[in-house]
Amino acid sequence: MCITHAVLRAPGEPARFGFIVSKAVGNAVTRNLVRRRLKTIAERRIAAGFTSVDAVFRALPAIATAPYAELEAAVDRALDRVERTLLTPAESP
């Protein structure tokens, strides 16, 4: 549904999110609906304490017909993966 790109920020800095929703997703009404849904999900994660990451979501055309719950689950999985890979300290060999 969407592709996620993320980079670390300084520890403790608030997370920032960007959204790329191209015309391939649908008309202006559909694109704005998708953007608003992604923004709401991101705001919830920030309220839950998600910090120190810049993340960009690139919406794919299938996102236009996805139910909100499915979209939220997909974004949460992506952000959980970001937390596991970027925010956890690497183990030394």
Protein backbone atom coordinates (compact mmCIF):
# COMPACT_ATOMS: atom_id res chain seq x y z
CA MET A 1 0.00 0.00 0.00
CA CYS A 2 2.83 2.41 0.73
CA ILE A 3 6.59 2.44 0.74
CA THR A 4 8.35 3.82 3.79
CA HIS A 5 11.71 5.58 3.88
CA ALA A 6 13.19 6.63 7.22
CA VAL A 7 16.35 8.20 8.62
CA LEU A 8 17.46 8.88 12.17
CA ARG A 9 17.39 12.29 13.79
CA ALA A 10 19.15 13.40 16.96
CA PRO A 11 17.89 11.53 20.04
CA GLY A 12 14.86 13.18 21.61
CA GLU A 13 13.94 15.30 18.61
CA PRO A 14 10.31 14.97 17.52
CA ALA A 15 9.52 12.68 14.61
CA ARG A 16 8.68 14.27 11.25
CA PHE A 17 6.55 12.70 8.55
CA GLY A 18 6.17 13.37 4.83
CA PHE A 19 3.59 12.00 2.43
CA ILE A 20 3.90 11.47 -1.31
CA VAL A 21 0.54 10.80 -2.93
CA SER A 22 0.78 10.94 -6.72
CA LYS A 23 -1.97 11.26 -9.31
CA ALA A 24 -1.70 7.52 -9.85
CA VAL A 25 -3.55 7.08 -6.55
CA GLY A 26 -6.66 8.87 -7.81
CA ASN A 27 -8.29 12.26 -8.22
CA ALA A 28 -7.68 15.18 -5.86
CA VAL A 29 -10.42 14.13 -3.45
CA THR A 30 -8.99 10.61 -3.14
CA ARG A 31 -5.41 11.84 -2.79
CA ASN A 32 -6.38 14.27 -0.02
CA LEU A 33 -8.35 11.56 1.78
CA VAL A 34 -5.32 9.26 1.69
CA ARG A 35 -3.03 12.07 2.89
CA ARG A 36 -5.39 12.94 5.76
CA ARG A 37 -5.59 9.31 6.83
CA LEU A 38 -1.79 8.94 6.79
CA LYS A 39 -1.44 12.19 8.70
CA THR A 40 -3.87 11.03 11.40
CA ILE A 41 -2.00 7.75 11.83
CA ALA A 42 1.32 9.62 12.08
CA GLU A 43 -0.10 12.05 14.66
CA ARG A 44 -1.24 9.11 16.79
CA ARG A 45 2.27 7.63 16.71
CA ILE A 46 3.80 10.97 17.70
CA ALA A 47 1.33 11.21 20.60
CA ALA A 48 2.39 7.71 21.65
CA GLY A 49 6.01 8.84 21.93
CA PHE A 50 7.52 8.10 18.51
CA THR A 51 10.64 10.31 18.22
CA SER A 52 14.03 10.70 16.57
CA VAL A 53 12.99 9.68 13.04
CA ASP A 54 12.18 11.38 9.75
CA ALA A 55 9.81 9.16 7.77
CA VAL A 56 8.36 9.53 4.29
CA PHE A 57 5.45 7.44 3.03
CA ARG A 58 4.99 7.01 -0.72
CA ALA A 59 1.44 5.89 -1.40
CA LEU A 60 0.84 3.22 -4.03
CA PRO A 61 -2.40 3.12 -6.07
CA ALA A 62 -3.86 0.24 -4.02
CA ILE A 63 -4.07 2.55 -1.00
CA ALA A 64 -7.08 4.36 -2.50
CA THR A 65 -9.41 1.40 -1.88
CA ALA A 66 -7.93 0.15 1.39
CA PRO A 67 -10.08 0.39 4.53
CA TYR A 68 -8.75 2.68 7.25
CA ALA A 69 -8.05 -0.18 9.68
CA GLU A 70 -5.96 -2.01 7.08
CA LEU A 71 -4.04 1.17 6.26
CA GLU A 72 -3.38 1.86 9.93
CA ALA A 73 -2.13 -1.70 10.47
CA ALA A 74 0.23 -1.44 7.48
CA VAL A 75 1.66 1.91 8.63
CA ASP A 76 2.05 0.64 12.19
CA ARG A 77 3.95 -2.42 10.92
CA ALA A 78 6.25 -0.17 8.89
CA LEU A 79 6.92 2.15 11.82
CA ASP A 80 7.48 -0.79 14.16
CA ARG A 81 10.07 -2.09 11.70
CA VAL A 82 11.70 1.38 11.65
CA GLU A 83 11.88 1.34 15.44
CA ARG A 84 13.43 -2.13 15.48
CA THR A 85 16.05 -1.40 12.85
CA LEU A 86 16.96 2.24 13.46
CA LEU A 87 16.22 2.94 17.10
CA THR A 88 17.47 -0.18 18.85
CA PRO A 89 21.18 -0.29 19.64
CA ALA A 90 23.15 -2.66 17.44
CA GLU A 91 24.53 -5.71 19.15
CA SER A 92 28.29 -6.03 19.18
CA PRO A 93 29.85 -9.26 17.93
